[in-house]
C-alpha cells in the first residue's frame, strides 16, 4: 500500500451540487451544512444545490458563501473516508489557501465546529476587504525565471503594487496587486508568449494589501482550540511539514498576506514519503497539478475523491 498525502482545494473548485451526495447519504455531513448555514447566516444549500443542467447561481462565487460551503464539502468527504484512514497510510496533508482549514481539521489540529466558525468569519472579512483597483490574474505558459523580471518591471513602470501570490506549479502562477500593475504585466506576459487571465475575485488576496482583514482574522484564530497534529501539515507559507500547534497557528495567521508555495508543498510531501496524492474536494484542481509539480517522479500517482462513490472506492 502506498503512503498517502491528503490534499484539500480552495476557491475556484466550487461546482453545482458539490457535496450533495454525501450529505443526502450521511446525516453527519448534512449537519455540517446546517452548522455552516447557522454561522454564515446564508442559505448555502439553496445556493449550491440545484437541478441538473441548471445554471450556477451567481452567489456561488461570493466568498462569503463559498468559503464555508467548500470547507463543508472538503471536510465531509474526508470524514466519509475516516474508516479507511489507517489503510490510506497518511504521511501528511496540505490545503491550498482556504483548503488549509480542512487540512488542519483532518490532522486533528482544529475541530470541525472551530473550522466552520473560522471560515465563515474569514469569508466575511475577505469579502469586505475588496477594494476598487485591486485584483488577481493567473499566468500560464511561462516559467518562473521568465515571469519574475516581468513582475518587477510592471511594478516599477506602473508605480503600483504587484507580487506573485500563488506558486501553483512550475508553469502556473497567480499574481496579486493593483490594477495598473496587473494591466502592465498582462501586456508583458503576452509579449513573452505567455497568457494572463484576470480572476473574478474581490481583492488582492495573499498579499500585504490584505493586512487589514488579516489582522482582524488573527483575533479569530486566537479563540480557537489548537491541538498537536496527528500527522504533519505542510502549510502554504513555507511549504514545510509541521506538527506543533503554536507554529501552525502562526503560519495560518500569516497565510492571508503570504504567497501560497504549492510547488514546495508538493515536493515536501513527496520527500516525506507520499507516493499517492488524494484530493478531497470537487473538480480535481489539485489532482491535475500533481504531475506538473512532480514531473519525472513516475512513482507518484494522483486520485480525486470528489464524490461519495470515489471516496468509498479508495
Foldseek 3Di string as FASTA:
>chain_A
DAAEEEEEEDPPQAAACFQVQLVVVDVVLVVLQVLLCVLLVDNLCVQRYDDPPDDHDPCCNQLLNVLLVQLSQLLSLLVLLVVCVVVNNYQEYEYFQSRRLSRCCSQVFFPSSLSSNLSNLVSVLQNVLFDPFWFKKKKFDDFPVVLVVLLVVLCVVQVWDKDFAECLFRGITMMTTGNSSLVSSQVVSVVVVMHIGTDPGRHRWQACSSVVSLVVSLVSLVPTHGDFTNHWYQYQQHLATDGDRVVVSVRSSNRRHHHGHNLSVLVNSVVSRGQEYEYRGHDCPSQVSNCRSPPPSVSHHYYYSRHSVSSVVD
